């Protein structure tokens, strides 16, 4: 089975491989039901979705209605004002067919102007606090994409005691000195304060460039089982972190199979060889 660990201070032992429900953005209801069945059968007990993930929340709703008590459910909003954020949470709850989520996250909070709106009077932070007080969301988090994510998360944690953070981390990104330094500082703060750490883009190979898109992911993912295993082991080796699965339902069985083996972290030499062999490059360069 897939290993589990305490998800920060939440009291929930989450599978260290989380299901990234962006993979359900453009699938049929039958495909969604089959995928979520595989997720639960594999031992994944933590689902991460967002209001902006196409039809994902809608597709998850029928399944969630029957399995709500079996999973830790997270969603996100990109709305920055209190009024808009609460309205979107209410919509998410309707689509997900539940009266609460376990984790509600400010999504892609990496721009200064949006941060200022969200964190000040009338901003989304007020919605988050109210949602927790009303039992609509048990825990609160913040997510980010791009090179600014770790530094912005440090700023957000200085403003409010969030329960989780989410940001990109993979071998190519680790070769960016500034990003790696900010990430290490963030990791230390999270460990000190028992904030759960979620990693995305762990299965990155490179940007698509001019190549045809053969997967649902917006980056070209790793495909071979041994490469997926190495990338997952390396990401887990960062610390007691959680890794979101890739955004393509057809890659999920391979990722689950390798995660169940609890792969060890490969050496830097092995990762460097893999990166050279596959032409792995920074998605945000």
C-alpha atoms as a PDB file:
ATOM      1  CA  UNK A   1       0.000   0.000   0.000  1.00  0.00           C
ATOM      2  CA  UNK A   2       0.983   3.608  -0.458  1.00  0.00           C
ATOM      3  CA  UNK A   3       2.736   4.978   2.656  1.00  0.00           C
ATOM      4  CA  UNK A   4       0.932   7.471   4.864  1.00  0.00           C
ATOM      5  CA  UNK A   5       2.072  10.308   7.127  1.00  0.00           C
ATOM      6  CA  UNK A   6       0.418  12.930   9.348  1.00  0.00           C
ATOM      7  CA  UNK A   7      -0.832  15.782   7.156  1.00  0.00           C
ATOM      8  CA  UNK A   8       0.668  18.534   9.242  1.00  0.00           C
ATOM      9  CA  UNK A   9      -1.392  19.511  12.263  1.00  0.00           C
ATOM     10  CA  UNK A  10      -4.725  18.303  10.845  1.00  0.00           C
ATOM     11  CA  UNK A  11      -4.768  15.003  12.717  1.00  0.00           C
ATOM     12  CA  UNK A  12      -5.283  13.138   9.434  1.00  0.00           C
ATOM     13  CA  UNK A  13      -2.857  10.512   8.148  1.00  0.00           C
ATOM     14  CA  UNK A  14      -2.831  11.175   4.405  1.00  0.00           C
ATOM     15  CA  UNK A  15      -1.368   8.946   1.747  1.00  0.00           C
ATOM     16  CA  UNK A  16       1.938  10.507   0.690  1.00  0.00           C
ATOM     17  CA  UNK A  17       0.698  10.326  -2.894  1.00  0.00           C
ATOM     18  CA  UNK A  18      -2.296  12.654  -3.229  1.00  0.00           C
ATOM     19  CA  UNK A  19      -4.755  12.477  -6.091  1.00  0.00           C
ATOM     20  CA  UNK A  20      -4.475  15.626  -8.174  1.00  0.00           C
ATOM     21  CA  UNK A  21      -8.018  16.024  -9.494  1.00  0.00           C
ATOM     22  CA  UNK A  22      -6.957  18.357 -12.292  1.00  0.00           C
ATOM     23  CA  UNK A  23      -6.819  15.031 -14.130  1.00  0.00           C
ATOM     24  CA  UNK A  24     -10.641  15.009 -14.076  1.00  0.00           C
ATOM     25  CA  UNK A  25     -11.053  18.410 -15.745  1.00  0.00           C
ATOM     26  CA  UNK A  26     -12.102  17.040 -19.134  1.00  0.00           C
ATOM     27  CA  UNK A  27     -13.216  13.434 -18.633  1.00  0.00           C
ATOM     28  CA  UNK A  28     -16.579  11.685 -18.768  1.00  0.00           C
ATOM     29  CA  UNK A  29     -18.510  10.782 -15.626  1.00  0.00           C
ATOM     30  CA  UNK A  30     -17.741   7.123 -16.227  1.00  0.00           C
ATOM     31  CA  UNK A  31     -14.026   7.844 -16.496  1.00  0.00           C
ATOM     32  CA  UNK A  32     -14.165   9.928 -13.320  1.00  0.00           C
ATOM     33  CA  UNK A  33     -15.998   7.226 -11.364  1.00  0.00           C
ATOM     34  CA  UNK A  34     -13.552   4.551 -12.538  1.00  0.00           C
ATOM     35  CA  UNK A  35     -10.547   6.716 -11.702  1.00  0.00           C
ATOM     36  CA  UNK A  36     -11.827   7.586  -8.225  1.00  0.00           C
ATOM     37  CA  UNK A  37     -12.518   3.911  -7.583  1.00  0.00           C
ATOM     38  CA  UNK A  38      -8.916   3.127  -8.488  1.00  0.00           C
ATOM     39  CA  UNK A  39      -7.741   5.936  -6.225  1.00  0.00           C
ATOM     40  CA  UNK A  40      -9.589   4.606  -3.197  1.00  0.00           C
ATOM     41  CA  UNK A  41      -8.685   0.966  -3.863  1.00  0.00           C
ATOM     42  CA  UNK A  42      -5.003   1.907  -4.090  1.00  0.00           C
ATOM     43  CA  UNK A  43      -4.953   3.462  -0.633  1.00  0.00           C
ATOM     44  CA  UNK A  44      -4.983   7.112  -1.704  1.00  0.00           C
ATOM     45  CA  UNK A  45      -7.199   8.840   0.839  1.00  0.00           C
ATOM     46  CA  UNK A  46      -6.575  12.514   0.022  1.00  0.00           C
ATOM     47  CA  UNK A  47      -8.145  14.226  -3.008  1.00  0.00           C
ATOM     48  CA  UNK A  48      -7.007  17.664  -4.163  1.00  0.00           C
ATOM     49  CA  UNK A  49      -9.212  19.611  -6.563  1.00  0.00           C
ATOM     50  CA  UNK A  50     -10.003  23.252  -7.384  1.00  0.00           C
ATOM     51  CA  UNK A  51     -12.877  25.370  -8.639  1.00  0.00           C
ATOM     52  CA  UNK A  52     -10.753  26.194 -11.682  1.00  0.00           C
ATOM     53  CA  UNK A  53     -10.133  22.553 -12.682  1.00  0.00           C
ATOM     54  CA  UNK A  54     -12.686  22.413 -15.483  1.00  0.00           C
ATOM     55  CA  UNK A  55     -15.450  19.952 -14.619  1.00  0.00           C
ATOM     56  CA  UNK A  56     -13.469  18.193 -11.892  1.00  0.00           C
ATOM     57  CA  UNK A  57     -15.656  19.175  -8.931  1.00  0.00           C
ATOM     58  CA  UNK A  58     -18.815  18.305 -10.852  1.00  0.00           C
ATOM     59  CA  UNK A  59     -17.402  14.925 -11.893  1.00  0.00           C
ATOM     60  CA  UNK A  60     -16.286  14.169  -8.325  1.00  0.00           C
ATOM     61  CA  UNK A  61     -19.662  15.015  -6.781  1.00  0.00           C
ATOM     62  CA  UNK A  62     -21.582  11.766  -7.385  1.00  0.00           C
ATOM     63  CA  UNK A  63     -18.664   9.676  -6.090  1.00  0.00           C
ATOM     64  CA  UNK A  64     -18.017  11.952  -3.106  1.00  0.00           C
ATOM     65  CA  UNK A  65     -21.672  11.661  -2.078  1.00  0.00           C
ATOM     66  CA  UNK A  66     -21.098   7.939  -1.469  1.00  0.00           C
ATOM     67  CA  UNK A  67     -17.524   8.052  -0.127  1.00  0.00           C
ATOM     68  CA  UNK A  68     -17.234  11.341   1.774  1.00  0.00           C
ATOM     69  CA  UNK A  69     -16.136   9.800   5.079  1.00  0.00           C
ATOM     70  CA  UNK A  70     -13.372   7.801   3.410  1.00  0.00           C
ATOM     71  CA  UNK A  71     -11.315  10.690   2.038  1.00  0.00           C
ATOM     72  CA  UNK A  72      -9.677  13.954   3.034  1.00  0.00           C
ATOM     73  CA  UNK A  73     -11.140  16.432   0.555  1.00  0.00           C
ATOM     74  CA  UNK A  74      -9.397  19.634  -0.533  1.00  0.00           C
ATOM     75  CA  UNK A  75     -10.389  22.325  -2.989  1.00  0.00           C
ATOM     76  CA  UNK A  76      -9.177  25.803  -3.935  1.00  0.00           C
ATOM     77  CA  UNK A  77     -10.324  29.240  -5.025  1.00  0.00           C
ATOM     78  CA  UNK A  78      -8.651  31.920  -7.097  1.00  0.00           C
ATOM     79  CA  UNK A  79     -11.108  34.578  -5.930  1.00  0.00           C
ATOM     80  CA  UNK A  80      -9.429  37.344  -3.920  1.00  0.00           C
ATOM     81  CA  UNK A  81     -12.340  39.142  -2.258  1.00  0.00           C
ATOM     82  CA  UNK A  82     -14.376  37.847   0.660  1.00  0.00           C
ATOM     83  CA  UNK A  83     -17.680  37.944  -1.204  1.00  0.00           C
ATOM     84  CA  UNK A  84     -16.403  36.194  -4.318  1.00  0.00           C
ATOM     85  CA  UNK A  85     -14.446  33.570  -2.385  1.00  0.00           C
ATOM     86  CA  UNK A  86     -17.402  32.594  -0.186  1.00  0.00           C
ATOM     87  CA  UNK A  87     -19.669  32.391  -3.221  1.00  0.00           C
ATOM     88  CA  UNK A  88     -17.199  30.112  -4.969  1.00  0.00           C
ATOM     89  CA  UNK A  89     -16.835  27.894  -1.898  1.00  0.00           C
ATOM     90  CA  UNK A  90     -20.601  27.499  -1.741  1.00  0.00           C
ATOM     91  CA  UNK A  91     -20.575  26.493  -5.407  1.00  0.00           C
ATOM     92  CA  UNK A  92     -17.758  23.999  -4.796  1.00  0.00           C
ATOM     93  CA  UNK A  93     -19.671  22.424  -1.937  1.00  0.00           C
ATOM     94  CA  UNK A  94     -22.773  22.054  -4.124  1.00  0.00           C
ATOM     95  CA  UNK A  95     -20.814  20.451  -6.946  1.00  0.00           C
ATOM     96  CA  UNK A  96     -18.885  18.179  -4.579  1.00  0.00           C
ATOM     97  CA  UNK A  97     -22.143  17.215  -2.816  1.00  0.00           C
ATOM     98  CA  UNK A  98     -20.832  17.829   0.678  1.00  0.00           C
ATOM     99  CA  UNK A  99     -21.411  20.347   3.456  1.00  0.00           C
ATOM    100  CA  UNK A 100     -17.698  20.939   4.075  1.00  0.00           C
ATOM    101  CA  UNK A 101     -14.202  20.413   2.726  1.00  0.00           C
ATOM    102  CA  UNK A 102     -11.314  19.327   4.887  1.00  0.00           C
ATOM    103  CA  UNK A 103      -8.935  21.841   3.305  1.00  0.00           C
ATOM    104  CA  UNK A 104      -9.720  25.069   1.473  1.00  0.00           C
ATOM    105  CA  UNK A 105      -6.797  26.748  -0.267  1.00  0.00           C
ATOM    106  CA  UNK A 106      -6.039  30.163  -1.771  1.00  0.00           C
ATOM    107  CA  UNK A 107      -4.992  29.064  -5.230  1.00  0.00           C
ATOM    108  CA  UNK A 108      -2.004  30.439  -7.180  1.00  0.00           C
ATOM    109  CA  UNK A 109      -1.419  33.301  -4.741  1.00  0.00           C
ATOM    110  CA  UNK A 110       1.853  34.560  -6.235  1.00  0.00           C
ATOM    111  CA  UNK A 111       1.161  38.078  -7.502  1.00  0.00           C
ATOM    112  CA  UNK A 112       1.733  41.071  -5.219  1.00  0.00           C
ATOM    113  CA  UNK A 113      -1.445  42.904  -6.181  1.00  0.00           C
ATOM    114  CA  UNK A 114      -3.632  39.829  -5.694  1.00  0.00           C
ATOM    115  CA  UNK A 115      -1.933  39.105  -2.369  1.00  0.00           C
ATOM    116  CA  UNK A 116      -2.692  42.620  -1.159  1.00  0.00           C
ATOM    117  CA  UNK A 117      -6.383  42.220  -1.994  1.00  0.00           C
ATOM    118  CA  UNK A 118      -6.675  38.743  -0.486  1.00  0.00           C
ATOM    119  CA  UNK A 119      -4.887  39.519   2.763  1.00  0.00           C
ATOM    120  CA  UNK A 120      -6.463  42.849   3.666  1.00  0.00           C
ATOM    121  CA  UNK A 121      -9.898  44.142   4.664  1.00  0.00           C
ATOM    122  CA  UNK A 122     -12.664  42.636   2.563  1.00  0.00           C
ATOM    123  CA  UNK A 123     -10.265  40.085   1.129  1.00  0.00           C
ATOM    124  CA  UNK A 124     -10.377  36.330   0.745  1.00  0.00           C
ATOM    125  CA  UNK A 125      -8.630  35.779   4.070  1.00  0.00           C
ATOM    126  CA  UNK A 126     -11.755  37.009   5.839  1.00  0.00           C
ATOM    127  CA  UNK A 127     -13.766  34.439   3.865  1.00  0.00           C
ATOM    128  CA  UNK A 128     -11.365  31.704   4.864  1.00  0.00           C
ATOM    129  CA  UNK A 129     -11.605  32.530   8.558  1.00  0.00           C
ATOM    130  CA  UNK A 130     -15.390  32.711   8.351  1.00  0.00           C
ATOM    131  CA  UNK A 131     -15.617  29.418   6.461  1.00  0.00           C
ATOM    132  CA  UNK A 132     -13.601  27.704   9.175  1.00  0.00           C
ATOM    133  CA  UNK A 133     -15.743  29.238  11.920  1.00  0.00           C
ATOM    134  CA  UNK A 134     -18.907  28.028  10.177  1.00  0.00           C
ATOM    135  CA  UNK A 135     -17.571  24.507   9.580  1.00  0.00           C
ATOM    136  CA  UNK A 136     -17.504  24.853   5.794  1.00  0.00           C
ATOM    137  CA  UNK A 137     -13.744  24.248   5.769  1.00  0.00           C
ATOM    138  CA  UNK A 138     -11.835  22.514   8.541  1.00  0.00           C
ATOM    139  CA  UNK A 139      -8.334  23.661   7.561  1.00  0.00           C
ATOM    140  CA  UNK A 140      -6.879  26.427   5.412  1.00  0.00           C
ATOM    141  CA  UNK A 141      -3.990  26.470   2.944  1.00  0.00           C
ATOM    142  CA  UNK A 142      -2.259  28.431   0.215  1.00  0.00           C
ATOM    143  CA  UNK A 143      -0.898  27.273  -3.139  1.00  0.00           C
ATOM    144  CA  UNK A 144       1.422  28.707  -5.756  1.00  0.00           C
ATOM    145  CA  UNK A 145       2.870  28.060  -9.203  1.00  0.00           C
ATOM    146  CA  UNK A 146       5.978  29.441 -10.840  1.00  0.00           C
ATOM    147  CA  UNK A 147       9.250  30.723  -9.473  1.00  0.00           C
ATOM    148  CA  UNK A 148       7.666  33.114  -6.975  1.00  0.00           C
ATOM    149  CA  UNK A 149       5.757  30.421  -5.055  1.00  0.00           C
ATOM    150  CA  UNK A 150       8.124  29.607  -2.146  1.00  0.00           C
ATOM    151  CA  UNK A 151       8.922  33.251  -1.389  1.00  0.00           C
ATOM    152  CA  UNK A 152       5.255  34.233  -1.547  1.00  0.00           C
ATOM    153  CA  UNK A 153       4.301  31.346   0.730  1.00  0.00           C
ATOM    154  CA  UNK A 154       6.790  32.628   3.299  1.00  0.00           C
ATOM    155  CA  UNK A 155       5.063  35.992   3.084  1.00  0.00           C
ATOM    156  CA  UNK A 156       1.637  34.370   3.450  1.00  0.00           C
ATOM    157  CA  UNK A 157       2.728  32.332   6.476  1.00  0.00           C
ATOM    158  CA  UNK A 158       4.030  35.503   8.095  1.00  0.00           C
ATOM    159  CA  UNK A 159       0.579  37.048   7.614  1.00  0.00           C
ATOM    160  CA  UNK A 160      -1.580  34.067   8.664  1.00  0.00           C
ATOM    161  CA  UNK A 161      -1.065  30.651  10.236  1.00  0.00           C
ATOM    162  CA  UNK A 162      -2.064  28.489   7.268  1.00  0.00           C
ATOM    163  CA  UNK A 163      -2.248  24.712   7.746  1.00  0.00           C
ATOM    164  CA  UNK A 164      -0.688  23.742   4.407  1.00  0.00           C
ATOM    165  CA  UNK A 165       1.272  24.995   1.417  1.00  0.00           C
ATOM    166  CA  UNK A 166       1.572  23.652  -2.120  1.00  0.00           C
ATOM    167  CA  UNK A 167       4.240  24.486  -4.703  1.00  0.00           C
ATOM    168  CA  UNK A 168       6.252  22.976  -7.599  1.00  0.00           C
ATOM    169  CA  UNK A 169       9.347  20.892  -6.876  1.00  0.00           C
ATOM    170  CA  UNK A 170      11.331  18.612  -9.182  1.00  0.00           C
ATOM    171  CA  UNK A 171      14.888  17.954 -10.285  1.00  0.00           C
ATOM    172  CA  UNK A 172      15.167  20.801 -12.846  1.00  0.00           C
ATOM    173  CA  UNK A 173      13.803  23.310 -10.313  1.00  0.00           C
ATOM    174  CA  UNK A 174      16.322  22.152  -7.721  1.00  0.00           C
ATOM    175  CA  UNK A 175      19.082  23.391 -10.041  1.00  0.00           C
ATOM    176  CA  UNK A 176      17.806  26.985  -9.734  1.00  0.00           C
ATOM    177  CA  UNK A 177      19.814  28.324  -6.746  1.00  0.00           C
ATOM    178  CA  UNK A 178      17.381  31.096  -5.800  1.00  0.00           C
ATOM    179  CA  UNK A 179      14.322  28.855  -6.016  1.00  0.00           C
ATOM    180  CA  UNK A 180      16.021  26.028  -4.110  1.00  0.00           C
ATOM    181  CA  UNK A 181      17.125  28.409  -1.348  1.00  0.00           C
ATOM    182  CA  UNK A 182      13.622  29.853  -0.916  1.00  0.00           C
ATOM    183  CA  UNK A 183      12.169  26.345  -0.954  1.00  0.00           C
ATOM    184  CA  UNK A 184      14.555  25.159   1.775  1.00  0.00           C
ATOM    185  CA  UNK A 185      13.668  28.144   3.951  1.00  0.00           C
ATOM    186  CA  UNK A 186       9.978  27.443   3.417  1.00  0.00           C
ATOM    187  CA  UNK A 187      10.459  23.782   4.238  1.00  0.00           C
ATOM    188  CA  UNK A 188      12.217  24.691   7.494  1.00  0.00           C
ATOM    189  CA  UNK A 189       9.409  27.063   8.531  1.00  0.00           C
ATOM    190  CA  UNK A 190       6.792  24.444   7.703  1.00  0.00           C
ATOM    191  CA  UNK A 191       8.614  21.779   9.701  1.00  0.00           C
ATOM    192  CA  UNK A 192       8.936  24.155  12.655  1.00  0.00           C
ATOM    193  CA  UNK A 193       5.246  25.099  12.604  1.00  0.00           C
ATOM    194  CA  UNK A 194       3.888  21.680  11.535  1.00  0.00           C
ATOM    195  CA  UNK A 195       2.486  23.010   8.267  1.00  0.00           C
ATOM    196  CA  UNK A 196       1.776  20.304   5.682  1.00  0.00           C
ATOM    197  CA  UNK A 197       3.846  20.513   2.472  1.00  0.00           C
ATOM    198  CA  UNK A 198       2.429  19.406  -0.883  1.00  0.00           C
ATOM    199  CA  UNK A 199       4.544  19.176  -4.023  1.00  0.00           C
ATOM    200  CA  UNK A 200       3.323  19.467  -7.596  1.00  0.00           C
ATOM    201  CA  UNK A 201       5.029  18.947 -10.964  1.00  0.00           C
ATOM    202  CA  UNK A 202       7.105  16.136  -9.472  1.00  0.00           C
ATOM    203  CA  UNK A 203       6.635  14.079 -12.649  1.00  0.00           C
ATOM    204  CA  UNK A 204       7.800  16.797 -15.022  1.00  0.00           C
ATOM    205  CA  UNK A 205      10.011  15.936 -17.957  1.00  0.00           C
ATOM    206  CA  UNK A 206      10.019  19.240 -19.843  1.00  0.00           C
ATOM    207  CA  UNK A 207       7.708  21.819 -21.436  1.00  0.00           C
ATOM    208  CA  UNK A 208       5.878  20.575 -24.522  1.00  0.00           C
ATOM    209  CA  UNK A 209       7.538  23.114 -26.783  1.00  0.00           C
ATOM    210  CA  UNK A 210       6.535  22.386 -30.380  1.00  0.00           C
ATOM    211  CA  UNK A 211       5.876  18.694 -29.722  1.00  0.00           C
ATOM    212  CA  UNK A 212       2.294  17.361 -30.010  1.00  0.00           C
ATOM    213  CA  UNK A 213       0.460  17.162 -26.678  1.00  0.00           C
ATOM    214  CA  UNK A 214      -0.090  13.463 -26.078  1.00  0.00           C
ATOM    215  CA  UNK A 215      -1.186  13.818 -22.447  1.00  0.00           C
ATOM    216  CA  UNK A 216      -3.705  15.964 -20.577  1.00  0.00           C
ATOM    217  CA  UNK A 217      -0.914  17.610 -18.592  1.00  0.00           C
ATOM    218  CA  UNK A 218       0.202  21.121 -19.625  1.00  0.00           C
ATOM    219  CA  UNK A 219       3.810  19.912 -19.429  1.00  0.00           C
ATOM    220  CA  UNK A 220       5.380  16.794 -20.919  1.00  0.00           C
ATOM    221  CA  UNK A 221       5.384  14.218 -18.098  1.00  0.00           C
ATOM    222  CA  UNK A 222       7.648  11.303 -17.343  1.00  0.00           C
ATOM    223  CA  UNK A 223       6.237   8.094 -18.837  1.00  0.00           C
ATOM    224  CA  UNK A 224       8.427   5.070 -18.014  1.00  0.00           C
ATOM    225  CA  UNK A 225       7.759   3.363 -14.701  1.00  0.00           C
ATOM    226  CA  UNK A 226      11.404   3.475 -13.588  1.00  0.00           C
ATOM    227  CA  UNK A 227      11.603   7.210 -14.286  1.00  0.00           C
ATOM    228  CA  UNK A 228       8.355   7.866 -12.426  1.00  0.00           C
ATOM    229  CA  UNK A 229       9.670   5.812  -9.521  1.00  0.00           C
ATOM    230  CA  UNK A 230      12.913   7.788  -9.404  1.00  0.00           C
ATOM    231  CA  UNK A 231      11.128  11.149  -9.551  1.00  0.00           C
ATOM    232  CA  UNK A 232       8.698  10.151  -6.807  1.00  0.00           C
ATOM    233  CA  UNK A 233      11.422   8.753  -4.572  1.00  0.00           C
ATOM    234  CA  UNK A 234      13.478  11.906  -5.053  1.00  0.00           C
ATOM    235  CA  UNK A 235      10.503  14.162  -4.211  1.00  0.00           C
ATOM    236  CA  UNK A 236       9.620  12.135  -1.122  1.00  0.00           C
ATOM    237  CA  UNK A 237      13.251  12.374  -0.095  1.00  0.00           C
ATOM    238  CA  UNK A 238      12.771  16.121   0.360  1.00  0.00           C
ATOM    239  CA  UNK A 239      11.220  15.481   3.774  1.00  0.00           C
ATOM    240  CA  UNK A 240       7.870  14.386   5.154  1.00  0.00           C
ATOM    241  CA  UNK A 241       6.106  15.867   2.133  1.00  0.00           C
ATOM    242  CA  UNK A 242       3.136  14.872  -0.002  1.00  0.00           C
ATOM    243  CA  UNK A 243       3.240  14.566  -3.782  1.00  0.00           C
ATOM    244  CA  UNK A 244       0.293  15.245  -6.064  1.00  0.00           C
ATOM    245  CA  UNK A 245      -0.250  12.813  -8.903  1.00  0.00           C
ATOM    246  CA  UNK A 246       0.103  13.917 -12.517  1.00  0.00           C
ATOM    247  CA  UNK A 247      -2.852  15.542 -14.275  1.00  0.00           C
ATOM    248  CA  UNK A 248      -3.631  12.652 -16.632  1.00  0.00           C
ATOM    249  CA  UNK A 249      -5.820   9.724 -15.599  1.00  0.00           C
ATOM    250  CA  UNK A 250      -3.961   7.366 -17.934  1.00  0.00           C
ATOM    251  CA  UNK A 251      -0.667   7.894 -16.093  1.00  0.00           C
ATOM    252  CA  UNK A 252      -2.265   7.294 -12.708  1.00  0.00           C
ATOM    253  CA  UNK A 253      -2.060   3.453 -12.661  1.00  0.00           C
ATOM    254  CA  UNK A 254       1.720   3.570 -13.230  1.00  0.00           C
ATOM    255  CA  UNK A 255       2.207   6.278 -10.608  1.00  0.00           C
ATOM    256  CA  UNK A 256       0.141   4.320  -8.095  1.00  0.00           C
ATOM    257  CA  UNK A 257       2.037   1.099  -8.826  1.00  0.00           C
ATOM    258  CA  UNK A 258       5.387   2.770  -8.218  1.00  0.00           C
ATOM    259  CA  UNK A 259       4.171   4.644  -5.134  1.00  0.00           C
ATOM    260  CA  UNK A 260       3.042   1.363  -3.564  1.00  0.00           C
ATOM    261  CA  UNK A 261       6.673   0.203  -3.738  1.00  0.00           C
ATOM    262  CA  UNK A 262       7.689   3.177  -1.546  1.00  0.00           C
ATOM    263  CA  UNK A 263      10.724   3.958  -3.738  1.00  0.00           C
ATOM    264  CA  UNK A 264      13.837   5.261  -1.980  1.00  0.00           C
ATOM    265  CA  UNK A 265      15.383   8.567  -2.950  1.00  0.00           C
ATOM    266  CA  UNK A 266      17.916   8.059  -5.761  1.00  0.00           C
ATOM    267  CA  UNK A 267      21.345   9.646  -5.630  1.00  0.00           C
ATOM    268  CA  UNK A 268      22.058  13.017  -7.179  1.00  0.00           C
ATOM    269  CA  UNK A 269      24.219  11.228  -9.724  1.00  0.00           C
ATOM    270  CA  UNK A 270      21.331   8.984 -10.758  1.00  0.00           C
ATOM    271  CA  UNK A 271      18.982  11.940 -11.070  1.00  0.00           C
ATOM    272  CA  UNK A 272      21.501  13.914 -13.099  1.00  0.00           C
ATOM    273  CA  UNK A 273      21.905  10.960 -15.464  1.00  0.00           C
ATOM    274  CA  UNK A 274      18.134  10.648 -15.851  1.00  0.00           C
ATOM    275  CA  UNK A 275      17.772  14.365 -16.481  1.00  0.00           C
ATOM    276  CA  UNK A 276      20.413  14.264 -19.200  1.00  0.00           C
ATOM    277  CA  UNK A 277      18.965  11.120 -20.788  1.00  0.00           C
ATOM    278  CA  UNK A 278      15.447  12.561 -20.952  1.00  0.00           C
ATOM    279  CA  UNK A 279      16.323  16.178 -21.616  1.00  0.00           C
ATOM    280  CA  UNK A 280      14.542  17.303 -18.440  1.00  0.00           C
ATOM    281  CA  UNK A 281      14.255  21.080 -18.265  1.00  0.00           C
ATOM    282  CA  UNK A 282      12.766  23.760 -16.047  1.00  0.00           C
ATOM    283  CA  UNK A 283       9.101  24.333 -16.820  1.00  0.00           C
ATOM    284  CA  UNK A 284       9.285  27.964 -15.728  1.00  0.00           C
ATOM    285  CA  UNK A 285      12.552  28.977 -17.388  1.00  0.00           C
END
